[in-house]
C-alpha atoms as a PDB file:
ATOM      1  CA  UNK A   1     -12.838  10.679 -10.098  1.00  0.00           C
ATOM      2  CA  UNK A   2     -10.351   7.798 -10.439  1.00  0.00           C
ATOM      3  CA  UNK A   3      -9.344   5.081  -8.191  1.00  0.00           C
ATOM      4  CA  UNK A   4      -5.712   4.115  -7.210  1.00  0.00           C
ATOM      5  CA  UNK A   5      -5.120   0.562  -5.465  1.00  0.00           C
ATOM      6  CA  UNK A   6      -1.739   0.002  -3.527  1.00  0.00           C
ATOM      7  CA  UNK A   7      -0.633  -2.637  -1.011  1.00  0.00           C
ATOM      8  CA  UNK A   8       2.251  -1.798   1.034  1.00  0.00           C
ATOM      9  CA  UNK A   9       1.939  -3.959   3.840  1.00  0.00           C
ATOM     10  CA  UNK A  10      -0.232  -3.505   6.751  1.00  0.00           C
ATOM     11  CA  UNK A  11      -3.183  -1.217   5.296  1.00  0.00           C
ATOM     12  CA  UNK A  12      -3.332   0.914   8.639  1.00  0.00           C
ATOM     13  CA  UNK A  13       0.291   2.288   7.701  1.00  0.00           C
ATOM     14  CA  UNK A  14      -1.024   3.060   4.378  1.00  0.00           C
ATOM     15  CA  UNK A  15      -3.905   5.347   4.846  1.00  0.00           C
ATOM     16  CA  UNK A  16      -2.764   8.105   6.549  1.00  0.00           C
ATOM     17  CA  UNK A  17      -0.306   9.316   4.420  1.00  0.00           C
ATOM     18  CA  UNK A  18      -2.543   9.267   1.155  1.00  0.00           C
ATOM     19  CA  UNK A  19      -5.584  10.661   3.408  1.00  0.00           C
ATOM     20  CA  UNK A  20      -3.212  13.612   3.864  1.00  0.00           C
ATOM     21  CA  UNK A  21      -2.929  14.497   0.155  1.00  0.00           C
ATOM     22  CA  UNK A  22      -4.886  17.328  -1.374  1.00  0.00           C
ATOM     23  CA  UNK A  23      -6.795  15.543  -4.083  1.00  0.00           C
ATOM     24  CA  UNK A  24      -7.588  12.403  -2.381  1.00  0.00           C
ATOM     25  CA  UNK A  25     -11.223  12.203  -1.580  1.00  0.00           C
ATOM     26  CA  UNK A  26     -11.055   8.914   0.362  1.00  0.00           C
ATOM     27  CA  UNK A  27      -8.943   6.099   1.594  1.00  0.00           C
ATOM     28  CA  UNK A  28     -10.320   2.636   2.317  1.00  0.00           C
ATOM     29  CA  UNK A  29      -8.788  -0.297   3.758  1.00  0.00           C
ATOM     30  CA  UNK A  30      -9.492  -3.769   2.204  1.00  0.00           C
ATOM     31  CA  UNK A  31      -8.213  -6.647   0.463  1.00  0.00           C
ATOM     32  CA  UNK A  32      -7.353  -7.174  -3.342  1.00  0.00           C
ATOM     33  CA  UNK A  33      -5.838  -9.827  -5.493  1.00  0.00           C
ATOM     34  CA  UNK A  34      -7.422 -12.942  -4.131  1.00  0.00           C
ATOM     35  CA  UNK A  35      -9.892 -15.635  -4.985  1.00  0.00           C
ATOM     36  CA  UNK A  36     -12.231 -15.510  -1.743  1.00  0.00           C
ATOM     37  CA  UNK A  37     -15.336 -13.639  -2.297  1.00  0.00           C
ATOM     38  CA  UNK A  38     -16.219 -11.160   0.666  1.00  0.00           C
ATOM     39  CA  UNK A  39     -13.091 -12.325   2.556  1.00  0.00           C
ATOM     40  CA  UNK A  40     -12.681 -11.535   6.151  1.00  0.00           C
ATOM     41  CA  UNK A  41      -9.508 -10.135   7.998  1.00  0.00           C
ATOM     42  CA  UNK A  42      -9.214 -13.633   9.834  1.00  0.00           C
ATOM     43  CA  UNK A  43      -9.540 -15.415   6.440  1.00  0.00           C
ATOM     44  CA  UNK A  44      -6.959 -13.024   4.877  1.00  0.00           C
ATOM     45  CA  UNK A  45      -4.688 -13.252   7.755  1.00  0.00           C
ATOM     46  CA  UNK A  46      -3.814 -16.950   6.934  1.00  0.00           C
ATOM     47  CA  UNK A  47      -2.481 -16.378   3.718  1.00  0.00           C
ATOM     48  CA  UNK A  48      -4.701 -18.646   2.033  1.00  0.00           C
ATOM     49  CA  UNK A  49      -7.142 -16.237   0.101  1.00  0.00           C
ATOM     50  CA  UNK A  50      -4.423 -14.555  -2.447  1.00  0.00           C
ATOM     51  CA  UNK A  51      -5.693 -11.541  -1.258  1.00  0.00           C
ATOM     52  CA  UNK A  52      -3.113  -8.451  -0.441  1.00  0.00           C
ATOM     53  CA  UNK A  53      -4.030  -6.310   2.720  1.00  0.00           C
ATOM     54  CA  UNK A  54      -4.424  -3.016   0.383  1.00  0.00           C
ATOM     55  CA  UNK A  55      -6.070   0.653   0.451  1.00  0.00           C
ATOM     56  CA  UNK A  56      -8.264   1.935  -2.243  1.00  0.00           C
ATOM     57  CA  UNK A  57      -8.017   5.570  -2.887  1.00  0.00           C
ATOM     58  CA  UNK A  58     -10.662   7.836  -4.781  1.00  0.00           C
ATOM     59  CA  UNK A  59      -8.660  10.799  -6.155  1.00  0.00           C
ATOM     60  CA  UNK A  60      -9.083  13.871  -8.339  1.00  0.00           C
ATOM     61  CA  UNK A  61      -6.772  13.443 -11.156  1.00  0.00           C
ATOM     62  CA  UNK A  62      -6.922  17.123 -11.711  1.00  0.00           C
ATOM     63  CA  UNK A  63      -5.799  17.880  -8.333  1.00  0.00           C
ATOM     64  CA  UNK A  64      -3.349  14.834  -7.654  1.00  0.00           C
ATOM     65  CA  UNK A  65      -1.779  13.310 -10.597  1.00  0.00           C
ATOM     66  CA  UNK A  66      -1.345   9.258 -10.300  1.00  0.00           C
ATOM     67  CA  UNK A  67       2.321   9.764 -10.514  1.00  0.00           C
ATOM     68  CA  UNK A  68       2.483  11.670  -7.255  1.00  0.00           C
ATOM     69  CA  UNK A  69       0.352   8.518  -5.627  1.00  0.00           C
ATOM     70  CA  UNK A  70       3.109   6.493  -6.976  1.00  0.00           C
ATOM     71  CA  UNK A  71       5.759   8.616  -5.080  1.00  0.00           C
ATOM     72  CA  UNK A  72       3.977   8.594  -1.809  1.00  0.00           C
ATOM     73  CA  UNK A  73       3.479   4.985  -2.235  1.00  0.00           C
ATOM     74  CA  UNK A  74       7.232   4.028  -2.568  1.00  0.00           C
ATOM     75  CA  UNK A  75       8.107   6.201   0.278  1.00  0.00           C
ATOM     76  CA  UNK A  76       5.968   4.052   2.566  1.00  0.00           C
ATOM     77  CA  UNK A  77       7.358   0.529   1.879  1.00  0.00           C
ATOM     78  CA  UNK A  78      10.664  -1.605   1.681  1.00  0.00           C
ATOM     79  CA  UNK A  79      10.240  -2.653  -2.096  1.00  0.00           C
ATOM     80  CA  UNK A  80      12.881  -5.370  -1.887  1.00  0.00           C
ATOM     81  CA  UNK A  81      11.024  -7.634   0.771  1.00  0.00           C
ATOM     82  CA  UNK A  82       9.357 -10.452  -1.088  1.00  0.00           C
ATOM     83  CA  UNK A  83       7.870 -12.062   2.049  1.00  0.00           C
ATOM     84  CA  UNK A  84       5.797  -9.001   3.554  1.00  0.00           C
ATOM     85  CA  UNK A  85       6.732  -5.769   5.172  1.00  0.00           C
ATOM     86  CA  UNK A  86       8.957  -5.241   8.258  1.00  0.00           C
ATOM     87  CA  UNK A  87       7.109  -7.037  11.278  1.00  0.00           C
ATOM     88  CA  UNK A  88       4.262  -8.581   9.517  1.00  0.00           C
ATOM     89  CA  UNK A  89       5.107 -11.336   6.879  1.00  0.00           C
ATOM     90  CA  UNK A  90       2.909 -13.458   4.804  1.00  0.00           C
ATOM     91  CA  UNK A  91       1.754 -13.233   1.332  1.00  0.00           C
ATOM     92  CA  UNK A  92      -1.064 -10.948   2.566  1.00  0.00           C
ATOM     93  CA  UNK A  93       1.616  -8.056   3.599  1.00  0.00           C
ATOM     94  CA  UNK A  94       3.426  -8.147   0.162  1.00  0.00           C
ATOM     95  CA  UNK A  95       3.533  -4.878  -1.921  1.00  0.00           C
ATOM     96  CA  UNK A  96       1.796  -4.368  -4.945  1.00  0.00           C
ATOM     97  CA  UNK A  97       0.214  -1.628  -7.264  1.00  0.00           C
ATOM     98  CA  UNK A  98      -3.097  -2.955  -8.472  1.00  0.00           C
ATOM     99  CA  UNK A  99      -3.575  -0.413 -11.939  1.00  0.00           C
ATOM    100  CA  UNK A 100      -7.063   0.432 -12.863  1.00  0.00           C
ATOM    101  CA  UNK A 101      -6.262   1.157 -16.510  1.00  0.00           C
ATOM    102  CA  UNK A 102      -3.495   0.952 -19.270  1.00  0.00           C
ATOM    103  CA  UNK A 103      -2.093   4.713 -18.209  1.00  0.00           C
ATOM    104  CA  UNK A 104      -1.977   3.466 -14.315  1.00  0.00           C
ATOM    105  CA  UNK A 105      -0.175   0.333 -15.708  1.00  0.00           C
ATOM    106  CA  UNK A 106       2.534   2.307 -17.778  1.00  0.00           C
ATOM    107  CA  UNK A 107       2.900   4.810 -15.038  1.00  0.00           C
ATOM    108  CA  UNK A 108       3.454   2.251 -12.520  1.00  0.00           C
ATOM    109  CA  UNK A 109       6.107   0.334 -14.599  1.00  0.00           C
ATOM    110  CA  UNK A 110       7.912   3.551 -15.602  1.00  0.00           C
ATOM    111  CA  UNK A 111       7.947   4.490 -11.704  1.00  0.00           C
ATOM    112  CA  UNK A 112       9.512   1.133 -10.647  1.00  0.00           C
ATOM    113  CA  UNK A 113      11.904   1.383 -13.523  1.00  0.00           C
ATOM    114  CA  UNK A 114      13.108   4.683 -12.410  1.00  0.00           C
ATOM    115  CA  UNK A 115      13.463   3.276  -8.477  1.00  0.00           C
ATOM    116  CA  UNK A 116      15.408   0.225  -9.950  1.00  0.00           C
ATOM    117  CA  UNK A 117      17.444   2.651 -11.755  1.00  0.00           C
ATOM    118  CA  UNK A 118      18.212   5.107  -8.714  1.00  0.00           C
ATOM    119  CA  UNK A 119      20.790   3.109  -7.048  1.00  0.00           C
ATOM    120  CA  UNK A 120      18.993   3.565  -3.811  1.00  0.00           C
ATOM    121  CA  UNK A 121      18.475   0.010  -2.904  1.00  0.00           C
ATOM    122  CA  UNK A 122      21.050  -3.051  -3.136  1.00  0.00           C
ATOM    123  CA  UNK A 123      18.387  -5.496  -3.657  1.00  0.00           C
ATOM    124  CA  UNK A 124      15.953  -6.019  -6.320  1.00  0.00           C
ATOM    125  CA  UNK A 125      12.538  -4.193  -6.449  1.00  0.00           C
ATOM    126  CA  UNK A 126      10.300  -7.025  -5.923  1.00  0.00           C
ATOM    127  CA  UNK A 127       6.749  -5.200  -5.799  1.00  0.00           C
ATOM    128  CA  UNK A 128       4.223  -6.448  -7.920  1.00  0.00           C
ATOM    129  CA  UNK A 129       2.423  -4.477 -10.486  1.00  0.00           C
ATOM    130  CA  UNK A 130      -1.176  -6.529 -11.080  1.00  0.00           C
ATOM    131  CA  UNK A 131      -4.240  -5.542 -12.848  1.00  0.00           C
ATOM    132  CA  UNK A 132      -6.884  -4.811 -10.131  1.00  0.00           C
ATOM    133  CA  UNK A 133      -9.480  -7.040  -9.182  1.00  0.00           C
ATOM    134  CA  UNK A 134     -12.595  -6.667  -6.986  1.00  0.00           C
ATOM    135  CA  UNK A 135     -11.798  -4.590  -4.025  1.00  0.00           C
ATOM    136  CA  UNK A 136     -13.417  -5.770  -0.793  1.00  0.00           C
ATOM    137  CA  UNK A 137     -13.440  -3.367   2.101  1.00  0.00           C
ATOM    138  CA  UNK A 138     -12.044  -4.185   5.453  1.00  0.00           C
ATOM    139  CA  UNK A 139     -14.207  -4.568   8.433  1.00  0.00           C
ATOM    140  CA  UNK A 140     -15.114  -0.999   9.876  1.00  0.00           C
ATOM    141  CA  UNK A 141     -12.810  -1.183  12.777  1.00  0.00           C
ATOM    142  CA  UNK A 142      -9.879  -1.111  10.224  1.00  0.00           C
ATOM    143  CA  UNK A 143     -11.009   1.988   8.498  1.00  0.00           C
ATOM    144  CA  UNK A 144      -9.000   4.996   9.828  1.00  0.00           C
ATOM    145  CA  UNK A 145      -7.319   2.797  12.481  1.00  0.00           C
ATOM    146  CA  UNK A 146      -4.381   5.439  12.917  1.00  0.00           C
ATOM    147  CA  UNK A 147      -7.180   7.755  14.162  1.00  0.00           C
ATOM    148  CA  UNK A 148      -9.689   5.645  15.831  1.00  0.00           C
ATOM    149  CA  UNK A 149      -6.888   3.805  17.869  1.00  0.00           C
ATOM    150  CA  UNK A 150      -3.968   6.492  17.909  1.00  0.00           C
ATOM    151  CA  UNK A 151      -2.028   5.212  20.453  1.00  0.00           C
ATOM    152  CA  UNK A 152      -2.209   1.353  19.825  1.00  0.00           C
ATOM    153  CA  UNK A 153      -1.247   2.233  16.371  1.00  0.00           C
ATOM    154  CA  UNK A 154       1.525   4.512  17.426  1.00  0.00           C
ATOM    155  CA  UNK A 155       2.955   1.631  19.317  1.00  0.00           C
ATOM    156  CA  UNK A 156       2.642  -0.962  16.567  1.00  0.00           C
ATOM    157  CA  UNK A 157       4.175   1.562  13.932  1.00  0.00           C
ATOM    158  CA  UNK A 158       7.187   2.385  16.259  1.00  0.00           C
ATOM    159  CA  UNK A 159       7.726  -1.430  16.977  1.00  0.00           C
ATOM    160  CA  UNK A 160       7.251  -2.529  13.495  1.00  0.00           C
ATOM    161  CA  UNK A 161      10.577  -1.205  11.988  1.00  0.00           C
ATOM    162  CA  UNK A 162       8.940   0.754   9.366  1.00  0.00           C
ATOM    163  CA  UNK A 163       9.932   4.512  10.407  1.00  0.00           C
ATOM    164  CA  UNK A 164      13.336   3.305  10.927  1.00  0.00           C
ATOM    165  CA  UNK A 165      13.539   2.101   7.369  1.00  0.00           C
ATOM    166  CA  UNK A 166      11.486   4.701   5.726  1.00  0.00           C
ATOM    167  CA  UNK A 167      13.841   7.517   7.660  1.00  0.00           C
ATOM    168  CA  UNK A 168      17.106   5.587   6.500  1.00  0.00           C
ATOM    169  CA  UNK A 169      16.060   5.221   2.868  1.00  0.00           C
ATOM    170  CA  UNK A 170      13.840   8.292   2.187  1.00  0.00           C
ATOM    171  CA  UNK A 171      15.337  10.843   4.916  1.00  0.00           C
ATOM    172  CA  UNK A 172      13.181  12.513   7.630  1.00  0.00           C
ATOM    173  CA  UNK A 173       9.080  12.863   7.198  1.00  0.00           C
END
């Protein structure tokens, strides 16, 4: 098993797309990239801890390659927004790929370069590529929120503008 860690704005919106993939064993919502030890959601929401809301994925690279996870990641975000994602603004909602080894680092930069060259976006791709730091799991009520609180999640997601953006740039689900 290997780990992959992605920040794509609200971590609730990032769990489902990865959980549905064959070869993905676990997806956990949490915080990565900051300096505060064991941060709480309330602390991260201040934007003062340096953490990103992120998901950490345990996956079997013999079943699903890291490159496929990168593709899924790009298709969930607005990689041109330097101030957050959709409805959620602040440093904790910025996008990032946290690499765990040199192969992931190289693949992440290559995928970003490919996206930049695609001409799909008319603004620069601002998603950070960062060496993974310690990942702190979010509080249990955040885990699988899209399943546990399906109606609230659907209302949040429909109002956030995420789905509309994804439809325009990536087409139908």
